[in-house]
Every structure is written in C-alpha cells, then in structure tokens.
Protein backbone atom coordinates (compact mmCIF):
# COMPACT_ATOMS: atom_id res chain seq x y z
CA UNK A 1 87.61 174.09 39.49
CA UNK A 2 90.00 172.07 41.56
CA UNK A 3 90.68 168.74 43.15
CA UNK A 4 89.57 167.95 46.69
CA UNK A 5 91.21 165.10 48.57
CA UNK A 6 88.81 162.94 50.55
CA UNK A 7 89.16 159.70 52.43
CA UNK A 8 88.67 156.37 50.68
CA UNK A 9 85.66 155.66 52.90
CA UNK A 10 83.95 158.95 52.00
CA UNK A 11 84.66 158.29 48.32
CA UNK A 12 83.02 154.88 48.63
CA UNK A 13 80.00 156.45 50.37
CA UNK A 14 79.81 159.01 47.54
CA UNK A 15 79.95 156.26 44.93
CA UNK A 16 77.12 154.32 46.59
CA UNK A 17 74.92 157.39 47.07
CA UNK A 18 75.61 158.58 43.53
CA UNK A 19 74.61 155.24 42.07
CA UNK A 20 71.46 155.04 44.19
CA UNK A 21 70.39 158.56 43.21
CA UNK A 22 71.41 158.35 39.53
CA UNK A 23 74.04 161.06 39.87
CA UNK A 24 77.70 161.18 38.99
CA UNK A 25 80.11 160.99 41.91
CA UNK A 26 81.02 164.66 41.32
CA UNK A 27 77.34 165.70 41.22
CA UNK A 28 76.68 163.82 44.47
CA UNK A 29 79.68 165.44 46.17
CA UNK A 30 78.55 168.87 44.98
CA UNK A 31 75.02 168.21 46.28
CA UNK A 32 76.33 167.22 49.70
CA UNK A 33 78.57 170.30 49.78
CA UNK A 34 75.67 172.60 48.92
CA UNK A 35 73.42 171.03 51.55
CA UNK A 36 76.21 171.19 54.15
CA UNK A 37 77.01 174.81 53.31
CA UNK A 38 73.37 175.82 53.66
CA UNK A 39 72.99 173.79 56.87
CA UNK A 40 75.93 175.69 58.40
CA UNK A 41 74.62 179.07 57.22
CA UNK A 42 71.03 178.32 58.29
CA UNK A 43 71.10 175.81 61.18
CA UNK A 44 67.42 176.50 61.89
CA UNK A 45 66.36 175.01 58.53
CA UNK A 46 65.33 171.39 58.09
CA UNK A 47 66.69 169.24 55.26
CA UNK A 48 63.42 169.74 53.39
CA UNK A 49 63.67 173.53 53.75
CA UNK A 50 67.28 173.44 52.53
CA UNK A 51 66.20 171.47 49.46
CA UNK A 52 63.47 174.04 48.80
CA UNK A 53 66.07 176.81 49.14
CA UNK A 54 68.29 175.01 46.61
CA UNK A 55 65.39 174.74 44.16
CA UNK A 56 64.58 178.45 44.51
CA UNK A 57 68.27 179.32 44.08
CA UNK A 58 68.41 177.23 40.90
CA UNK A 59 65.33 178.98 39.54
CA UNK A 60 67.09 182.31 40.26
CA UNK A 61 70.20 181.33 38.31
CA UNK A 62 72.09 179.05 40.71
CA UNK A 63 73.44 179.06 44.24
CA UNK A 64 75.19 182.37 44.91
CA UNK A 65 76.74 182.59 48.39
CA UNK A 66 77.06 186.38 48.29
CA UNK A 67 73.40 186.78 47.32
CA UNK A 68 72.26 184.18 49.84
CA UNK A 69 73.98 185.90 52.74
CA UNK A 70 72.98 189.38 51.61
CA UNK A 71 76.57 190.39 50.99
CA UNK A 72 78.22 191.55 47.82
CA UNK A 73 81.13 189.54 46.44
CA UNK A 74 84.52 191.00 47.41
CA UNK A 75 86.30 192.87 44.67
CA UNK A 76 89.58 191.58 43.29
CA UNK A 77 91.35 194.26 45.31
CA UNK A 78 89.92 193.17 48.68
CA UNK A 79 90.64 189.47 48.04
CA UNK A 80 94.38 189.94 47.75
C-alpha cells in the first residue's frame, strides 16, 4: 500500500462521487483505477462489459493483472 498524490480538483471529484455512490474516497479511487486499467488493457470493451469483467474477477478471487493478461507474475529475481 502507498500514497498517491492527486490534484485538489480530482480529490474533490472523488469525494463527490464517493458520497453519491456510498463508497469511501479510497474505494472510489480504487474503482476508477480498476476501470481505467481495464479500459486501457481492453479498449474494445464498453463500460458495462468492464463492470461485468470486474464482477467475474471478484467471483474468481479478485482482480489479478497477471491472470487477466494471460501472463504469469514475474519472479522476485526478474523484478530486480
């Protein structure tokens, strides 16, 4: 876990969206990051299809980028 610096305006947008959707600010930011990540990986998918993909991923134990892209996670040795 870490800290991500964002602009004041984006933080305000997060706060408003989080309140409207009954999420914490962190949960809203994480949701937007997941949707954005999947949109970049799968530009052919609609927002609805991305949400369905997120639901299926959650049912399978959570969003796993390595599994989603068909790649295995790099070992500790290859990350260095």
